[in-house]
Amino acid sequence: MALVQVERTAGTHRFEVALEKLRDGVQAMAAWIHPADNGALGEGLIQLRESGIDPLEAVFASGVRRFDKSGEFAADGAV
């Protein structure tokens, strides 16, 4: 099996850093939500949706639109 080496660029580094921060944020929210009392939990869930989930879904949708327009998936035979 051949080993594939991906060139590390500033763009890939930024992606890795952003992904690490995202994972850290998810872990931090999980650690907060698990023991939260019922009074704080409702507001925490609202803030999680408004500050995290909704904006992340918007970024994802934007990326999917760009990917769809690029036609890159067709190059891999995924039509």
PDB file of N, CA and C in Angstrom:
ATOM      1  N   MET A   1       0.848  -1.172   0.000  1.00  0.00           N
ATOM      2  CA  MET A   1       0.000   0.000   0.000  1.00  0.00           C
ATOM      3  C   MET A   1       0.889   1.228   0.000  1.00  0.00           C
ATOM      4  N   ALA A   2       0.599   2.166  -0.893  1.00  0.00           N
ATOM      5  CA  ALA A   2       1.407   3.376  -1.015  1.00  0.00           C
ATOM      6  C   ALA A   2       0.992   4.393   0.039  1.00  0.00           C
ATOM      7  N   LEU A   3       1.958   5.112   0.534  1.00  0.00           N
ATOM      8  CA  LEU A   3       1.717   6.173   1.494  1.00  0.00           C
ATOM      9  C   LEU A   3       1.535   7.479   0.733  1.00  0.00           C
ATOM     10  N   VAL A   4       0.433   8.154   1.008  1.00  0.00           N
ATOM     11  CA  VAL A   4       0.162   9.425   0.350  1.00  0.00           C
ATOM     12  C   VAL A   4       0.520  10.540   1.311  1.00  0.00           C
ATOM     13  N   GLN A   5       1.342  11.463   0.831  1.00  0.00           N
ATOM     14  CA  GLN A   5       1.723  12.586   1.666  1.00  0.00           C
ATOM     15  C   GLN A   5       1.049  13.839   1.128  1.00  0.00           C
ATOM     16  N   VAL A   6       0.333  14.534   2.002  1.00  0.00           N
ATOM     17  CA  VAL A   6      -0.361  15.749   1.623  1.00  0.00           C
ATOM     18  C   VAL A   6       0.522  16.932   1.983  1.00  0.00           C
ATOM     19  N   GLU A   7       0.716  17.821   1.017  1.00  0.00           N
ATOM     20  CA  GLU A   7       1.530  19.002   1.260  1.00  0.00           C
ATOM     21  C   GLU A   7       0.854  19.884   2.294  1.00  0.00           C
ATOM     22  N   ARG A   8       1.601  20.283   3.287  1.00  0.00           N
ATOM     23  CA  ARG A   8       1.053  21.135   4.344  1.00  0.00           C
ATOM     24  C   ARG A   8       1.226  22.591   3.925  1.00  0.00           C
ATOM     25  N   THR A   9       0.114  23.269   3.755  1.00  0.00           N
ATOM     26  CA  THR A   9       0.136  24.670   3.344  1.00  0.00           C
ATOM     27  C   THR A   9      -0.483  25.514   4.458  1.00  0.00           C
ATOM     28  N   ALA A  10      -0.427  26.825   4.274  1.00  0.00           N
ATOM     29  CA  ALA A  10      -1.060  27.716   5.248  1.00  0.00           C
ATOM     30  C   ALA A  10      -2.562  27.435   5.324  1.00  0.00           C
ATOM     31  N   GLY A  11      -3.163  27.125   4.176  1.00  0.00           N
ATOM     32  CA  GLY A  11      -4.596  26.819   4.149  1.00  0.00           C
ATOM     33  C   GLY A  11      -4.938  25.560   4.915  1.00  0.00           C
ATOM     34  N   THR A  12      -4.135  24.506   4.742  1.00  0.00           N
ATOM     35  CA  THR A  12      -4.418  23.265   5.475  1.00  0.00           C
ATOM     36  C   THR A  12      -4.161  23.459   6.960  1.00  0.00           C
ATOM     37  N   HIS A  13      -3.168  24.279   7.296  1.00  0.00           N
ATOM     38  CA  HIS A  13      -2.895  24.551   8.713  1.00  0.00           C
ATOM     39  C   HIS A  13      -4.072  25.297   9.342  1.00  0.00           C
ATOM     40  N   ARG A  14      -4.599  26.306   8.639  1.00  0.00           N
ATOM     41  CA  ARG A  14      -5.760  27.050   9.158  1.00  0.00           C
ATOM     42  C   ARG A  14      -6.948  26.122   9.342  1.00  0.00           C
ATOM     43  N   PHE A  15      -7.150  25.202   8.386  1.00  0.00           N
ATOM     44  CA  PHE A  15      -8.249  24.240   8.496  1.00  0.00           C
ATOM     45  C   PHE A  15      -8.076  23.369   9.740  1.00  0.00           C
ATOM     46  N   GLU A  16      -6.866  22.846   9.944  1.00  0.00           N
ATOM     47  CA  GLU A  16      -6.605  21.984  11.097  1.00  0.00           C
ATOM     48  C   GLU A  16      -6.818  22.735  12.412  1.00  0.00           C
ATOM     49  N   VAL A  17      -6.384  23.992  12.474  1.00  0.00           N
ATOM     50  CA  VAL A  17      -6.566  24.801  13.677  1.00  0.00           C
ATOM     51  C   VAL A  17      -8.045  25.066  13.920  1.00  0.00           C
ATOM     52  N   ALA A  18      -8.781  25.427  12.862  1.00  0.00           N
ATOM     53  CA  ALA A  18     -10.213  25.683  12.998  1.00  0.00           C
ATOM     54  C   ALA A  18     -10.953  24.428  13.448  1.00  0.00           C
ATOM     55  N   LEU A  19     -10.589  23.287  12.882  1.00  0.00           N
ATOM     56  CA  LEU A  19     -11.223  22.024  13.249  1.00  0.00           C
ATOM     57  C   LEU A  19     -10.939  21.673  14.710  1.00  0.00           C
ATOM     58  N   GLU A  20      -9.722  21.906  15.149  1.00  0.00           N
ATOM     59  CA  GLU A  20      -9.369  21.644  16.543  1.00  0.00           C
ATOM     60  C   GLU A  20     -10.170  22.538  17.488  1.00  0.00           C
ATOM     61  N   LYS A  21     -10.318  23.817  17.126  1.00  0.00           N
ATOM     62  CA  LYS A  21     -11.109  24.737  17.952  1.00  0.00           C
ATOM     63  C   LYS A  21     -12.574  24.308  17.987  1.00  0.00           C
ATOM     64  N   LEU A  22     -13.107  23.870  16.855  1.00  0.00           N
ATOM     65  CA  LEU A  22     -14.489  23.408  16.795  1.00  0.00           C
ATOM     66  C   LEU A  22     -14.693  22.210  17.715  1.00  0.00           C
ATOM     67  N   ARG A  23     -13.782  21.252  17.630  1.00  0.00           N
ATOM     68  CA  ARG A  23     -13.885  20.063  18.498  1.00  0.00           C
ATOM     69  C   ARG A  23     -13.762  20.434  19.967  1.00  0.00           C
ATOM     70  N   ASP A  24     -12.858  21.364  20.278  1.00  0.00           N
ATOM     71  CA  ASP A  24     -12.706  21.823  21.664  1.00  0.00           C
ATOM     72  C   ASP A  24     -13.998  22.474  22.151  1.00  0.00           C
ATOM     73  N   GLY A  25     -14.628  23.278  21.280  1.00  0.00           N
ATOM     74  CA  GLY A  25     -15.882  23.931  21.643  1.00  0.00           C
ATOM     75  C   GLY A  25     -16.997  22.935  21.901  1.00  0.00           C
ATOM     76  N   VAL A  26     -17.072  21.911  21.072  1.00  0.00           N
ATOM     77  CA  VAL A  26     -18.094  20.876  21.266  1.00  0.00           C
ATOM     78  C   VAL A  26     -17.873  20.169  22.599  1.00  0.00           C
ATOM     79  N   GLN A  27     -16.634  19.837  22.894  1.00  0.00           N
ATOM     80  CA  GLN A  27     -16.325  19.173  24.164  1.00  0.00           C
ATOM     81  C   GLN A  27     -16.634  20.073  25.356  1.00  0.00           C
ATOM     82  N   ALA A  28     -16.334  21.370  25.228  1.00  0.00           N
ATOM     83  CA  ALA A  28     -16.624  22.308  26.310  1.00  0.00           C
ATOM     84  C   ALA A  28     -18.127  22.421  26.550  1.00  0.00           C
ATOM     85  N   MET A  29     -18.914  22.482  25.471  1.00  0.00           N
ATOM     86  CA  MET A  29     -20.365  22.561  25.626  1.00  0.00           C
ATOM     87  C   MET A  29     -20.926  21.278  26.235  1.00  0.00           C
ATOM     88  N   ALA A  30     -20.403  20.142  25.806  1.00  0.00           N
ATOM     89  CA  ALA A  30     -20.860  18.869  26.374  1.00  0.00           C
ATOM     90  C   ALA A  30     -20.560  18.825  27.873  1.00  0.00           C
ATOM     91  N   ALA A  31     -19.395  19.315  28.263  1.00  0.00           N
ATOM     92  CA  ALA A  31     -19.010  19.317  29.673  1.00  0.00           C
ATOM     93  C   ALA A  31     -19.885  20.274  30.480  1.00  0.00           C
ATOM     94  N   TRP A  32     -20.357  21.350  29.849  1.00  0.00           N
ATOM     95  CA  TRP A  32     -21.227  22.295  30.553  1.00  0.00           C
ATOM     96  C   TRP A  32     -22.666  21.784  30.617  1.00  0.00           C
ATOM     97  N   ILE A  33     -23.170  21.239  29.515  1.00  0.00           N
ATOM     98  CA  ILE A  33     -24.575  20.828  29.454  1.00  0.00           C
ATOM     99  C   ILE A  33     -24.860  19.632  30.359  1.00  0.00           C
ATOM    100  N   HIS A  34     -23.944  18.693  30.406  1.00  0.00           N
ATOM    101  CA  HIS A  34     -24.203  17.465  31.179  1.00  0.00           C
ATOM    102  C   HIS A  34     -24.608  17.758  32.627  1.00  0.00           C
ATOM    103  N   PRO A  35     -23.868  18.563  33.376  1.00  0.00           N
ATOM    104  CA  PRO A  35     -24.258  18.807  34.771  1.00  0.00           C
ATOM    105  C   PRO A  35     -25.168  20.022  34.977  1.00  0.00           C
ATOM    106  N   ALA A  36     -25.545  20.751  33.927  1.00  0.00           N
ATOM    107  CA  ALA A  36     -26.321  21.985  34.085  1.00  0.00           C
ATOM    108  C   ALA A  36     -27.674  21.709  34.722  1.00  0.00           C
ATOM    109  N   ASP A  37     -28.085  22.641  35.599  1.00  0.00           N
ATOM    110  CA  ASP A  37     -29.409  22.483  36.203  1.00  0.00           C
ATOM    111  C   ASP A  37     -30.475  22.897  35.192  1.00  0.00           C
ATOM    112  N   ASN A  38     -31.703  22.499  35.453  1.00  0.00           N
ATOM    113  CA  ASN A  38     -32.781  22.705  34.488  1.00  0.00           C
ATOM    114  C   ASN A  38     -33.006  24.168  34.154  1.00  0.00           C
ATOM    115  N   GLY A  39     -32.819  25.065  35.098  1.00  0.00           N
ATOM    116  CA  GLY A  39     -33.020  26.490  34.841  1.00  0.00           C
ATOM    117  C   GLY A  39     -32.026  27.038  33.833  1.00  0.00           C
ATOM    118  N   ALA A  40     -30.782  26.658  33.943  1.00  0.00           N
ATOM    119  CA  ALA A  40     -29.742  27.142  33.037  1.00  0.00           C
ATOM    120  C   ALA A  40     -29.727  26.355  31.734  1.00  0.00           C
ATOM    121  N   LEU A  41     -30.195  25.128  31.786  1.00  0.00           N
ATOM    122  CA  LEU A  41     -30.121  24.255  30.610  1.00  0.00           C
ATOM    123  C   LEU A  41     -30.910  24.811  29.427  1.00  0.00           C
ATOM    124  N   GLY A  42     -32.111  25.311  29.672  1.00  0.00           N
ATOM    125  CA  GLY A  42     -32.927  25.848  28.592  1.00  0.00           C
ATOM    126  C   GLY A  42     -32.231  26.989  27.864  1.00  0.00           C
ATOM    127  N   GLU A  43     -31.707  27.960  28.624  1.00  0.00           N
ATOM    128  CA  GLU A  43     -31.007  29.087  28.015  1.00  0.00           C
ATOM    129  C   GLU A  43     -29.734  28.621  27.328  1.00  0.00           C
ATOM    130  N   GLY A  44     -29.043  27.660  27.919  1.00  0.00           N
ATOM    131  CA  GLY A  44     -27.833  27.121  27.304  1.00  0.00           C
ATOM    132  C   GLY A  44     -28.117  26.463  25.965  1.00  0.00           C
ATOM    133  N   LEU A  45     -29.203  25.726  25.885  1.00  0.00           N
ATOM    134  CA  LEU A  45     -29.574  25.080  24.622  1.00  0.00           C
ATOM    135  C   LEU A  45     -29.942  26.102  23.554  1.00  0.00           C
ATOM    136  N   ILE A  46     -30.636  27.159  23.966  1.00  0.00           N
ATOM    137  CA  ILE A  46     -30.974  28.225  23.024  1.00  0.00           C
ATOM    138  C   ILE A  46     -29.700  28.876  22.493  1.00  0.00           C
ATOM    139  N   GLN A  47     -28.778  29.201  23.388  1.00  0.00           N
ATOM    140  CA  GLN A  47     -27.526  29.836  22.978  1.00  0.00           C
ATOM    141  C   GLN A  47     -26.689  28.901  22.108  1.00  0.00           C
ATOM    142  N   LEU A  48     -26.698  27.617  22.419  1.00  0.00           N
ATOM    143  CA  LEU A  48     -25.968  26.639  21.608  1.00  0.00           C
ATOM    144  C   LEU A  48     -26.515  26.627  20.186  1.00  0.00           C
ATOM    145  N   ARG A  49     -27.831  26.653  20.041  1.00  0.00           N
ATOM    146  CA  ARG A  49     -28.450  26.666  18.719  1.00  0.00           C
ATOM    147  C   ARG A  49     -28.106  27.962  17.983  1.00  0.00           C
ATOM    148  N   GLU A  50     -28.255  29.111  18.662  1.00  0.00           N
ATOM    149  CA  GLU A  50     -28.045  30.414  18.019  1.00  0.00           C
ATOM    150  C   GLU A  50     -26.571  30.694  17.722  1.00  0.00           C
ATOM    151  N   SER A  51     -25.692  30.296  18.625  1.00  0.00           N
ATOM    152  CA  SER A  51     -24.275  30.648  18.496  1.00  0.00           C
ATOM    153  C   SER A  51     -23.446  29.592  17.790  1.00  0.00           C
ATOM    154  N   GLY A  52     -23.919  28.359  17.781  1.00  0.00           N
ATOM    155  CA  GLY A  52     -23.111  27.291  17.224  1.00  0.00           C
ATOM    156  C   GLY A  52     -23.739  26.544  16.073  1.00  0.00           C
ATOM    157  N   ILE A  53     -24.871  25.941  16.318  1.00  0.00           N
ATOM    158  CA  ILE A  53     -25.465  25.044  15.327  1.00  0.00           C
ATOM    159  C   ILE A  53     -25.945  25.795  14.092  1.00  0.00           C
ATOM    160  N   ASP A  54     -26.735  26.867  14.280  1.00  0.00           N
ATOM    161  CA  ASP A  54     -27.269  27.599  13.124  1.00  0.00           C
ATOM    162  C   ASP A  54     -26.161  28.200  12.258  1.00  0.00           C
ATOM    163  N   PRO A  55     -25.173  28.909  12.842  1.00  0.00           N
ATOM    164  CA  PRO A  55     -24.102  29.449  12.003  1.00  0.00           C
ATOM    165  C   PRO A  55     -23.277  28.360  11.318  1.00  0.00           C
ATOM    166  N   LEU A  56     -23.046  27.245  11.995  1.00  0.00           N
ATOM    167  CA  LEU A  56     -22.286  26.155  11.392  1.00  0.00           C
ATOM    168  C   LEU A  56     -23.057  25.532  10.228  1.00  0.00           C
ATOM    169  N   GLU A  57     -24.370  25.395  10.372  1.00  0.00           N
ATOM    170  CA  GLU A  57     -25.184  24.881   9.268  1.00  0.00           C
ATOM    171  C   GLU A  57     -25.145  25.837   8.073  1.00  0.00           C
ATOM    172  N   ALA A  58     -25.114  27.149   8.333  1.00  0.00           N
ATOM    173  CA  ALA A  58     -25.043  28.126   7.244  1.00  0.00           C
ATOM    174  C   ALA A  58     -23.710  28.021   6.510  1.00  0.00           C
ATOM    175  N   VAL A  59     -22.628  27.857   7.250  1.00  0.00           N
ATOM    176  CA  VAL A  59     -21.301  27.696   6.638  1.00  0.00           C
ATOM    177  C   VAL A  59     -21.275  26.416   5.807  1.00  0.00           C
ATOM    178  N   PHE A  60     -21.835  25.343   6.341  1.00  0.00           N
ATOM    179  CA  PHE A  60     -21.880  24.070   5.633  1.00  0.00           C
ATOM    180  C   PHE A  60     -22.664  24.205   4.326  1.00  0.00           C
ATOM    181  N   ALA A  61     -23.842  24.846   4.404  1.00  0.00           N
ATOM    182  CA  ALA A  61     -24.670  25.015   3.209  1.00  0.00           C
ATOM    183  C   ALA A  61     -23.942  25.836   2.147  1.00  0.00           C
ATOM    184  N   SER A  62     -23.224  26.848   2.570  1.00  0.00           N
ATOM    185  CA  SER A  62     -22.453  27.667   1.633  1.00  0.00           C
ATOM    186  C   SER A  62     -21.376  26.826   0.949  1.00  0.00           C
ATOM    187  N   GLY A  63     -20.700  26.007   1.733  1.00  0.00           N
ATOM    188  CA  GLY A  63     -19.678  25.126   1.169  1.00  0.00           C
ATOM    189  C   GLY A  63     -20.259  24.112   0.205  1.00  0.00           C
ATOM    190  N   VAL A  64     -21.412  23.549   0.538  1.00  0.00           N
ATOM    191  CA  VAL A  64     -22.062  22.572  -0.341  1.00  0.00           C
ATOM    192  C   VAL A  64     -22.449  23.222  -1.669  1.00  0.00           C
ATOM    193  N   ARG A  65     -22.977  24.454  -1.604  1.00  0.00           N
ATOM    194  CA  ARG A  65     -23.323  25.165  -2.842  1.00  0.00           C
ATOM    195  C   ARG A  65     -22.088  25.366  -3.714  1.00  0.00           C
ATOM    196  N   ARG A  66     -20.975  25.790  -3.121  1.00  0.00           N
ATOM    197  CA  ARG A  66     -19.749  25.999  -3.888  1.00  0.00           C
ATOM    198  C   ARG A  66     -19.246  24.692  -4.466  1.00  0.00           C
ATOM    199  N   PHE A  67     -19.297  23.621  -3.687  1.00  0.00           N
ATOM    200  CA  PHE A  67     -18.850  22.311  -4.144  1.00  0.00           C
ATOM    201  C   PHE A  67     -19.718  21.816  -5.294  1.00  0.00           C
ATOM    202  N   ASP A  68     -21.022  22.020  -5.163  1.00  0.00           N
ATOM    203  CA  ASP A  68     -21.948  21.601  -6.217  1.00  0.00           C
ATOM    204  C   ASP A  68     -21.675  22.352  -7.513  1.00  0.00           C
ATOM    205  N   LYS A  69     -21.453  23.644  -7.425  1.00  0.00           N
ATOM    206  CA  LYS A  69     -21.171  24.456  -8.615  1.00  0.00           C
ATOM    207  C   LYS A  69     -19.837  24.091  -9.248  1.00  0.00           C
ATOM    208  N   SER A  70     -18.878  23.640  -8.435  1.00  0.00           N
ATOM    209  CA  SER A  70     -17.546  23.331  -8.956  1.00  0.00           C
ATOM    210  C   SER A  70     -17.535  22.077  -9.818  1.00  0.00           C
ATOM    211  N   GLY A  71     -18.440  21.142  -9.550  1.00  0.00           N
ATOM    212  CA  GLY A  71     -18.478  19.894 -10.292  1.00  0.00           C
ATOM    213  C   GLY A  71     -17.369  18.922  -9.903  1.00  0.00           C
ATOM    214  N   GLU A  72     -16.642  19.210  -8.829  1.00  0.00           N
ATOM    215  CA  GLU A  72     -15.533  18.347  -8.395  1.00  0.00           C
ATOM    216  C   GLU A  72     -15.983  16.911  -8.117  1.00  0.00           C
ATOM    217  N   PHE A  73     -17.198  16.756  -7.642  1.00  0.00           N
ATOM    218  CA  PHE A  73     -17.686  15.408  -7.335  1.00  0.00           C
ATOM    219  C   PHE A  73     -17.751  14.548  -8.581  1.00  0.00           C
ATOM    220  N   ALA A  74     -18.016  15.153  -9.732  1.00  0.00           N
ATOM    221  CA  ALA A  74     -18.103  14.400 -10.986  1.00  0.00           C
ATOM    222  C   ALA A  74     -16.738  13.839 -11.378  1.00  0.00           C
ATOM    223  N   ALA A  75     -15.679  14.556 -11.056  1.00  0.00           N
ATOM    224  CA  ALA A  75     -14.327  14.108 -11.383  1.00  0.00           C
ATOM    225  C   ALA A  75     -13.995  12.807 -10.648  1.00  0.00           C
ATOM    226  N   ASP A  76     -14.622  12.601  -9.490  1.00  0.00           N
ATOM    227  CA  ASP A  76     -14.407  11.371  -8.720  1.00  0.00           C
ATOM    228  C   ASP A  76     -15.391  10.273  -9.093  1.00  0.00           C
ATOM    229  N   GLY A  77     -16.270  10.547 -10.051  1.00  0.00           N
ATOM    230  CA  GLY A  77     -17.234   9.548 -10.491  1.00  0.00           C
ATOM    231  C   GLY A  77     -18.468   9.468  -9.619  1.00  0.00           C
ATOM    232  N   ALA A  78     -18.709  10.476  -8.786  1.00  0.00           N
ATOM    233  CA  ALA A  78     -19.862  10.465  -7.877  1.00  0.00           C
ATOM    234  C   ALA A  78     -21.009  11.281  -8.443  1.00  0.00           C
ATOM    235  N   VAL A  79     -21.471  10.913  -9.639  1.00  0.00           N
ATOM    236  CA  VAL A  79     -22.580  11.650 -10.254  1.00  0.00           C
ATOM    237  C   VAL A  79     -23.871  10.941  -9.948  1.00  0.00           C
TER     238      VAL A  79
END
